[in-house]
Amino acid sequence: EDLKRVVSDVCQSYYAVLSKALRGKTRQFAQQLFQRDIITKPVMKSADYEDIMRNFDAGLEKIDDSKENVELHCRHLLESLDKLEGEPAKVSKELKKKWQEEVSKKFNGMFFLVEEITQAEELERVQKNLLGTLPKRKPNRKQKKDEQNRSSQLFLQYYDVILEIFSDNIEISEA
């Protein structure tokens, strides 16, 4: 399944919610999308919700499959909703969250519509995906004692080797 399909499916699942939130604001929504080059001028002029969403999907299909371009297309829709404030802005946040959840689920934890990801966050995400979310356990007393014994044995082995090296060097210099 490709990224554009996931975005489109989530959009369709929000169709009724978004339609209700945009009542009385469809014209402003269309203007916002047109300014961001997401819909065509005839669709902006008609300000018909169904035409707007069809045009959004058509635009999504036209762009290349890169994550950056799909994110930009989605960001423009979300920004247009945010500009309208109130119920559309609330739906924008819900839609963004749903897109993020679905993309993460379908693409093995991939980040989507995130402002900035640090290298540490990306590393942590990869580790969680590879290792799972196993809880870390503290060593018990026996494990600690075993570790101390191993350390002591290693020290004694190296100590003997170091003594031999020094004693050989001392004998050489005396000769």
Protein backbone atom coordinates (compact mmCIF):
# COMPACT_ATOMS: atom_id res chain seq x y z
CA GLU A 1 0.00 0.00 0.00
CA ASP A 2 1.45 3.38 -0.88
CA LEU A 3 1.53 6.54 1.20
CA LYS A 4 -0.90 8.45 -1.02
CA ARG A 5 -3.48 5.68 -0.64
CA VAL A 6 -3.24 5.85 3.16
CA VAL A 7 -3.63 9.65 3.10
CA SER A 8 -6.63 9.40 0.78
CA ASP A 9 -8.30 6.67 2.85
CA VAL A 10 -7.98 8.68 6.04
CA CYS A 11 -9.36 11.74 4.26
CA GLN A 12 -12.36 9.74 3.09
CA SER A 13 -12.97 8.48 6.62
CA TYR A 14 -13.13 12.13 7.76
CA TYR A 15 -15.38 13.21 4.89
CA ALA A 16 -18.57 13.70 6.95
CA VAL A 17 -16.77 15.18 9.98
CA LEU A 18 -14.92 17.66 7.79
CA SER A 19 -18.07 18.55 5.84
CA LYS A 20 -19.90 19.34 9.06
CA ALA A 21 -17.00 21.38 10.45
CA LEU A 22 -16.84 23.46 7.26
CA ARG A 23 -20.52 24.47 7.18
CA GLY A 24 -20.64 28.17 6.39
CA LYS A 25 -16.86 28.27 5.82
CA THR A 26 -16.51 26.30 2.60
CA ARG A 27 -15.79 29.40 0.50
CA GLN A 28 -12.97 30.53 2.82
CA PHE A 29 -11.62 26.97 2.86
CA ALA A 30 -11.61 26.89 -0.94
CA GLN A 31 -9.79 30.23 -1.06
CA GLN A 32 -7.16 28.99 1.38
CA LEU A 33 -6.56 25.83 -0.67
CA PHE A 34 -6.43 27.78 -3.92
CA GLN A 35 -3.81 30.15 -2.46
CA ARG A 36 -1.71 27.09 -1.64
CA ASP A 37 -2.19 25.73 -5.16
CA ILE A 38 -4.09 22.65 -3.96
CA ILE A 39 -7.31 23.18 -5.91
CA THR A 40 -8.10 24.74 -9.27
CA LYS A 41 -9.69 28.12 -9.83
CA PRO A 42 -13.04 26.70 -11.06
CA VAL A 43 -13.28 24.55 -7.91
CA MET A 44 -12.44 27.56 -5.75
CA LYS A 45 -15.19 29.55 -7.44
CA SER A 46 -17.75 26.78 -7.00
CA ALA A 47 -16.76 26.30 -3.35
CA ASP A 48 -18.52 22.94 -3.40
CA TYR A 49 -17.22 20.65 -0.66
CA GLU A 50 -17.36 17.50 -2.80
CA ASP A 51 -15.50 19.21 -5.65
CA ILE A 52 -12.88 20.51 -3.22
CA MET A 53 -12.18 17.05 -1.80
CA ARG A 54 -12.14 15.43 -5.25
CA ASN A 55 -9.69 18.09 -6.40
CA PHE A 56 -7.53 17.51 -3.30
CA ASP A 57 -7.40 13.78 -4.12
CA ALA A 58 -6.69 14.46 -7.80
CA GLY A 59 -3.81 16.75 -6.80
CA LEU A 60 -2.51 14.06 -4.48
CA GLU A 61 -2.47 11.56 -7.32
CA LYS A 62 -0.60 13.97 -9.62
CA ILE A 63 2.34 14.60 -7.30
CA ASP A 64 5.24 12.17 -7.16
CA ASP A 65 5.36 9.51 -4.47
CA SER A 66 8.01 11.17 -2.31
CA LYS A 67 7.12 11.45 1.35
CA GLU A 68 8.08 15.14 1.35
CA ASN A 69 5.64 16.03 -1.44
CA VAL A 70 2.79 14.04 0.10
CA GLU A 71 3.45 15.69 3.45
CA LEU A 72 3.46 19.13 1.85
CA HIS A 73 0.13 18.45 0.13
CA CYS A 74 -1.37 17.33 3.46
CA ARG A 75 0.20 20.23 5.34
CA HIS A 76 -1.49 22.67 2.98
CA LEU A 77 -4.88 21.13 3.74
CA LEU A 78 -4.21 21.23 7.49
CA GLU A 79 -2.97 24.84 7.37
CA SER A 80 -6.06 25.86 5.41
CA LEU A 81 -8.28 24.32 8.08
CA ASP A 82 -6.24 25.93 10.88
CA LYS A 83 -6.69 29.38 9.33
CA LEU A 84 -10.46 28.99 9.68
CA GLU A 85 -10.14 28.44 13.43
CA GLY A 86 -12.89 26.91 15.57
CA GLU A 87 -14.29 23.55 14.51
CA PRO A 88 -12.20 23.29 11.29
CA ALA A 89 -9.00 23.82 13.30
CA LYS A 90 -10.10 21.13 15.76
CA VAL A 91 -10.74 18.70 12.89
CA SER A 92 -7.33 19.63 11.44
CA LYS A 93 -5.61 18.39 14.60
CA GLU A 94 -7.67 15.18 14.61
CA LEU A 95 -6.96 14.57 10.92
CA LYS A 96 -3.23 15.15 11.39
CA LYS A 97 -3.13 12.73 14.31
CA LYS A 98 -5.06 10.09 12.36
CA TRP A 99 -2.71 10.47 9.36
CA GLN A 100 0.28 10.07 11.66
CA GLU A 101 -1.18 6.97 13.34
CA GLU A 102 -2.14 5.26 10.09
CA VAL A 103 1.14 6.02 8.33
CA SER A 104 3.10 4.80 11.34
CA LYS A 105 1.03 1.61 11.50
CA LYS A 106 1.23 0.82 7.77
CA PHE A 107 4.89 1.81 7.29
CA ASN A 108 6.61 0.33 10.33
CA GLY A 109 6.81 3.42 12.55
CA MET A 110 7.54 5.99 9.84
CA PHE A 111 7.16 9.57 11.02
CA PHE A 112 4.68 11.69 9.08
CA LEU A 113 3.82 15.37 9.40
CA VAL A 114 6.33 15.93 12.18
CA GLU A 115 7.96 19.34 12.31
CA GLU A 116 11.47 18.20 13.15
CA ILE A 117 12.92 14.90 14.25
CA THR A 118 16.22 14.80 16.06
CA GLN A 119 18.72 12.05 15.33
CA ALA A 120 18.23 10.75 18.86
CA GLU A 121 14.47 10.44 18.34
CA GLU A 122 14.99 8.66 15.03
CA LEU A 123 17.50 6.27 16.62
CA GLU A 124 15.11 5.55 19.49
CA ARG A 125 12.28 4.85 17.02
CA VAL A 126 14.45 2.43 15.03
CA GLN A 127 15.60 0.66 18.19
CA LYS A 128 12.02 0.23 19.38
CA ASN A 129 11.01 -1.19 16.03
CA LEU A 130 13.94 -3.59 15.93
CA LEU A 131 14.04 -4.64 19.56
CA GLY A 132 10.43 -4.23 20.54
CA THR A 133 9.45 -2.56 23.74
CA LEU A 134 10.97 -4.99 26.23
CA PRO A 135 11.24 -3.55 29.73
CA LYS A 136 14.73 -3.14 31.12
CA ARG A 137 15.39 -5.21 34.21
CA LYS A 138 17.86 -4.44 36.94
CA PRO A 139 20.37 -7.18 37.72
CA ASN A 140 19.59 -9.15 40.88
CA ARG A 141 22.14 -9.82 43.66
CA LYS A 142 23.38 -13.08 42.15
CA GLN A 143 23.95 -11.42 38.76
CA LYS A 144 25.85 -8.57 40.43
CA LYS A 145 28.00 -11.02 42.41
CA ASP A 146 28.75 -13.06 39.24
CA GLU A 147 29.79 -9.88 37.44
CA GLN A 148 32.10 -8.91 40.32
CA ASN A 149 33.66 -12.40 40.31
CA ARG A 150 34.30 -12.21 36.55
CA SER A 151 35.87 -8.80 36.98
CA SER A 152 38.10 -10.06 39.80
CA GLN A 153 39.20 -13.09 37.76
CA LEU A 154 40.07 -10.91 34.78
CA PHE A 155 42.05 -8.55 36.99
CA LEU A 156 44.05 -11.41 38.49
CA GLN A 157 44.81 -12.85 35.03
CA TYR A 158 46.04 -9.51 33.71
CA TYR A 159 47.92 -8.81 36.92
CA ASP A 160 49.90 -12.06 36.51
CA VAL A 161 50.68 -11.20 32.88
CA ILE A 162 51.80 -7.70 33.80
CA LEU A 163 54.04 -9.04 36.56
CA GLU A 164 55.68 -11.49 34.12
CA ILE A 165 56.33 -8.70 31.60
CA PHE A 166 57.86 -6.44 34.23
CA SER A 167 59.95 -9.23 35.73
CA ASP A 168 61.27 -10.13 32.24
CA ASN A 169 62.15 -6.47 31.61
CA ILE A 170 63.90 -6.21 34.94
CA GLU A 171 65.98 -9.33 34.26
CA ILE A 172 66.95 -8.02 30.80
CA SER A 173 68.08 -4.66 32.14
CA GLU A 174 70.13 -6.29 34.93
CA ALA A 175 72.00 -8.45 32.40
